[in-house]
Amino acid sequence: MVTKSATKMATKRISDEQLVEIIEATIFVAGKPISKRHLKDTVLTELSVSMARINLAIEQIQIHYQTRGIRLVEVGSGFRFQACASLAPWLNNLWQERAPKYSRALLETLSLIAYRQPITRGEIEQVRGVTVGSTIIKSLLEREWIHVVGHKEVPGRPALYATTKQFLDYFSLTGLDNLPPLPKQQQSKIDQLLSDPSVRELSE
């Protein structure tokens, strides 16, 4: 049974200015991307705020920061503040350690998973023409850029890999449709290789 006090709390109203302040502060202190649904279900749960008002507040915050050194951007799992890419040459001096460099093999493997998911290790090897080392798959799993979403119904039932929201967040993508399009010639070559019935599947 819903009490009168609970109903009263759930219908408390705030101004548009207060809503902007709450959302801005929440995203700022969260330490991770925050979705609109998460905002509504947590810091705004006791307030009478529609999703339309949340959308408008987020748009106002984005406009406010358009001329500043940081931006409010949407990534795979929600919204976050991040520095403008153009400031990277100066901001990089804050960290003595260089950003990790990834091997070409790892990046090619990740690219194939991103563009052709779900995909098996054997299919990746079919396209690349070389064996995919276990350390590459392990590294991508440990970084939580990929995960196992099922198993292909062929002998050995190899794992099917797909990208995660953490992958989208790291590369500042809102979704897979934001990936740069592959050149048609490259796309055609991948399709041809994956349609080859001789593709070798490995049991995981």
Protein backbone atom coordinates (compact mmCIF):
# COMPACT_ATOMS: atom_id res chain seq x y z
CA MET A 1 0.00 0.00 0.00
CA VAL A 2 1.37 3.44 -0.96
CA THR A 3 1.33 5.90 1.92
CA LYS A 4 0.33 9.53 1.60
CA SER A 5 3.87 10.60 2.53
CA ALA A 6 5.34 8.43 -0.22
CA THR A 7 2.90 9.85 -2.74
CA LYS A 8 3.72 13.36 -1.60
CA MET A 9 7.45 12.76 -1.96
CA ALA A 10 6.99 11.26 -5.42
CA THR A 11 5.17 14.36 -6.62
CA LYS A 12 7.53 16.99 -5.25
CA ARG A 13 8.18 19.60 -7.93
CA ILE A 14 11.37 21.48 -8.75
CA SER A 15 12.19 24.26 -11.17
CA ASP A 16 13.97 23.72 -14.47
CA GLU A 17 17.03 25.49 -13.04
CA GLN A 18 17.14 23.10 -10.06
CA LEU A 19 16.75 20.13 -12.37
CA VAL A 20 19.71 21.26 -14.48
CA GLU A 21 21.81 21.68 -11.33
CA ILE A 22 20.93 18.22 -9.99
CA ILE A 23 21.65 16.46 -13.28
CA GLU A 24 24.87 18.38 -13.86
CA ALA A 25 26.14 17.63 -10.35
CA THR A 26 25.15 13.97 -10.55
CA ILE A 27 27.01 13.36 -13.80
CA PHE A 28 29.99 15.32 -12.48
CA VAL A 29 30.42 13.29 -9.27
CA ALA A 30 29.32 9.87 -10.54
CA GLY A 31 32.72 8.80 -11.83
CA LYS A 32 31.09 6.77 -14.60
CA PRO A 33 28.56 7.40 -17.39
CA ILE A 34 25.00 7.93 -16.14
CA SER A 35 21.95 7.07 -18.24
CA LYS A 36 18.74 9.10 -18.25
CA ARG A 37 16.87 6.12 -16.82
CA HIS A 38 19.38 5.84 -13.99
CA LEU A 39 18.97 9.54 -13.22
CA LYS A 40 15.20 9.16 -13.05
CA ASP A 41 15.39 6.05 -10.86
CA THR A 42 17.92 7.45 -8.36
CA VAL A 43 18.48 11.15 -7.71
CA LEU A 44 15.17 12.11 -9.32
CA THR A 45 13.08 9.24 -7.98
CA GLU A 46 11.22 11.37 -5.41
CA LEU A 47 10.62 14.23 -7.82
CA SER A 48 7.89 14.82 -10.36
CA VAL A 49 10.11 14.98 -13.43
CA SER A 50 9.19 13.68 -16.88
CA MET A 51 11.69 12.18 -19.29
CA ALA A 52 11.01 15.11 -21.61
CA ARG A 53 12.22 17.53 -18.93
CA ILE A 54 15.30 15.40 -18.34
CA ASN A 55 16.08 15.46 -22.07
CA LEU A 56 15.67 19.24 -22.15
CA ALA A 57 17.89 19.71 -19.09
CA ILE A 58 20.64 17.59 -20.65
CA GLU A 59 20.42 19.59 -23.87
CA GLN A 60 20.78 22.82 -21.88
CA ILE A 61 23.87 21.48 -20.10
CA GLN A 62 25.40 20.42 -23.42
CA ILE A 63 24.81 23.86 -24.89
CA HIS A 64 26.31 25.53 -21.81
CA TYR A 65 29.56 23.58 -22.19
CA GLN A 66 29.92 23.97 -25.96
CA THR A 67 32.35 26.85 -25.52
CA ARG A 68 34.23 25.39 -22.55
CA GLY A 69 37.17 23.05 -22.17
CA ILE A 70 34.93 20.11 -21.27
CA ARG A 71 31.86 18.66 -22.95
CA LEU A 72 28.87 16.65 -21.82
CA VAL A 73 28.87 13.69 -24.20
CA GLU A 74 26.76 10.57 -24.60
CA VAL A 75 28.53 7.22 -24.74
CA GLY A 76 27.30 3.64 -24.68
CA SER A 77 26.15 3.49 -21.06
CA GLY A 78 25.06 7.08 -20.54
CA PHE A 79 26.33 10.65 -20.24
CA ARG A 80 29.67 11.86 -18.89
CA PHE A 81 31.86 14.93 -18.85
CA GLN A 82 35.11 14.70 -20.78
CA ALA A 83 37.80 17.09 -21.94
CA CYS A 84 37.81 18.37 -25.51
CA ALA A 85 39.97 16.20 -27.74
CA SER A 86 41.71 19.33 -29.03
CA LEU A 87 43.22 19.88 -25.56
CA ALA A 88 44.94 16.48 -25.46
CA PRO A 89 48.46 17.83 -26.30
CA TRP A 90 48.41 19.87 -23.07
CA LEU A 91 46.43 17.55 -20.84
CA ASN A 92 48.68 14.59 -21.65
CA ASN A 93 51.44 16.32 -19.66
CA LEU A 94 49.49 15.58 -16.49
CA TRP A 95 50.40 11.90 -16.72
CA GLN A 96 54.00 10.71 -16.78
CA GLU A 97 52.99 7.26 -17.99
CA ARG A 98 52.22 7.00 -21.65
CA ALA A 99 48.89 5.62 -22.80
CA PRO A 100 49.10 1.88 -23.48
CA LYS A 101 49.93 0.92 -27.03
CA TYR A 102 48.05 -1.98 -28.51
CA SER A 103 49.41 -4.38 -31.08
CA ARG A 104 48.11 -4.40 -34.63
CA ALA A 105 46.87 -7.97 -34.08
CA LEU A 106 44.80 -6.91 -31.06
CA LEU A 107 43.30 -3.93 -32.84
CA GLU A 108 42.47 -5.96 -35.96
CA THR A 109 40.80 -8.61 -33.80
CA LEU A 110 38.81 -6.00 -31.91
CA SER A 111 37.78 -4.32 -35.17
CA LEU A 112 36.46 -7.57 -36.62
CA ILE A 113 34.47 -8.26 -33.46
CA ALA A 114 33.06 -4.73 -33.49
CA TYR A 115 32.01 -4.81 -37.15
CA ARG A 116 30.92 -8.43 -37.52
CA GLN A 117 29.60 -9.42 -34.11
CA PRO A 118 28.76 -11.96 -32.99
CA ILE A 119 31.81 -13.70 -34.41
CA THR A 120 33.92 -16.70 -33.45
CA ARG A 121 37.65 -16.94 -33.04
CA GLY A 122 37.80 -19.23 -36.07
CA GLU A 123 35.99 -16.67 -38.22
CA ILE A 124 38.40 -13.96 -37.09
CA GLU A 125 41.31 -16.18 -38.08
CA GLN A 126 39.65 -16.88 -41.44
CA VAL A 127 39.59 -13.17 -42.23
CA ARG A 128 43.01 -12.27 -40.82
CA GLY A 129 44.72 -15.34 -42.25
CA VAL A 130 46.68 -15.97 -39.05
CA THR A 131 46.04 -17.57 -35.69
CA VAL A 132 44.52 -15.33 -33.02
CA GLY A 133 46.61 -15.76 -29.89
CA SER A 134 44.81 -16.65 -26.67
CA THR A 135 46.50 -13.67 -25.01
CA ILE A 136 44.70 -11.30 -27.39
CA ILE A 137 41.26 -12.67 -26.56
CA LYS A 138 42.17 -12.75 -22.86
CA SER A 139 43.34 -9.13 -22.94
CA LEU A 140 40.13 -7.96 -24.61
CA LEU A 141 38.04 -9.90 -22.10
CA GLU A 142 40.00 -8.52 -19.15
CA ARG A 143 39.52 -4.96 -20.38
CA GLU A 144 35.81 -5.79 -20.68
CA TRP A 145 35.78 -4.59 -24.29
CA ILE A 146 34.31 -7.91 -25.44
CA HIS A 147 32.27 -10.69 -23.88
CA VAL A 148 30.87 -14.08 -24.81
CA VAL A 149 27.26 -13.82 -25.97
CA GLY A 150 26.68 -17.46 -26.89
CA HIS A 151 28.10 -20.40 -28.79
CA LYS A 152 27.87 -21.26 -32.47
CA GLU A 153 25.97 -24.45 -33.18
CA VAL A 154 28.77 -26.25 -35.00
CA PRO A 155 31.12 -29.01 -33.84
CA GLY A 156 33.02 -27.79 -30.80
CA ARG A 157 30.44 -25.03 -30.15
CA PRO A 158 32.98 -22.16 -30.29
CA ALA A 159 32.26 -18.99 -28.33
CA LEU A 160 30.62 -16.05 -30.07
CA TYR A 161 32.17 -12.70 -29.17
CA ALA A 162 30.60 -9.25 -29.18
CA THR A 163 31.59 -5.82 -27.87
CA THR A 164 30.38 -4.33 -24.59
CA LYS A 165 29.15 -0.97 -23.32
CA GLN A 166 32.63 -0.49 -21.84
CA PHE A 167 33.99 -0.69 -25.40
CA LEU A 168 31.57 2.03 -26.50
CA ASP A 169 32.46 4.17 -23.47
CA TYR A 170 36.21 3.86 -24.03
CA PHE A 171 35.97 4.90 -27.67
CA SER A 172 33.31 7.58 -26.94
CA LEU A 173 30.63 5.91 -29.04
CA THR A 174 26.91 6.02 -28.31
CA GLY A 175 26.31 2.84 -30.29
CA LEU A 176 27.71 0.54 -32.93
CA ASP A 177 26.03 2.60 -35.64
CA ASN A 178 28.56 5.32 -34.79
CA LEU A 179 31.46 3.18 -35.99
CA PRO A 180 33.17 4.61 -39.08
CA PRO A 181 31.85 2.81 -42.18
CA LEU A 182 34.15 0.22 -43.71
CA PRO A 183 35.27 0.81 -47.31
CA LYS A 184 33.03 -1.21 -49.65
CA GLN A 185 35.99 -3.14 -51.05
CA GLN A 186 37.11 -4.18 -47.57
CA GLN A 187 33.55 -5.07 -46.54
CA SER A 188 33.16 -7.21 -49.66
CA LYS A 189 36.42 -9.04 -48.96
CA ILE A 190 35.36 -9.82 -45.38
CA ASP A 191 31.96 -11.10 -46.57
CA GLN A 192 33.68 -13.34 -49.11
CA LEU A 193 36.08 -14.80 -46.56
CA LEU A 194 33.37 -15.44 -43.96
CA SER A 195 31.14 -17.15 -46.54
CA ASP A 196 33.90 -19.65 -47.34
CA PRO A 197 32.59 -23.06 -46.17
CA SER A 198 36.13 -24.11 -45.28
CA VAL A 199 36.22 -21.72 -42.31
CA ARG A 200 37.85 -23.55 -39.45
CA GLU A 201 36.16 -23.38 -36.08
CA LEU A 202 38.05 -24.06 -32.87
CA SER A 203 36.54 -25.35 -29.65
CA GLU A 204 37.09 -22.83 -26.90
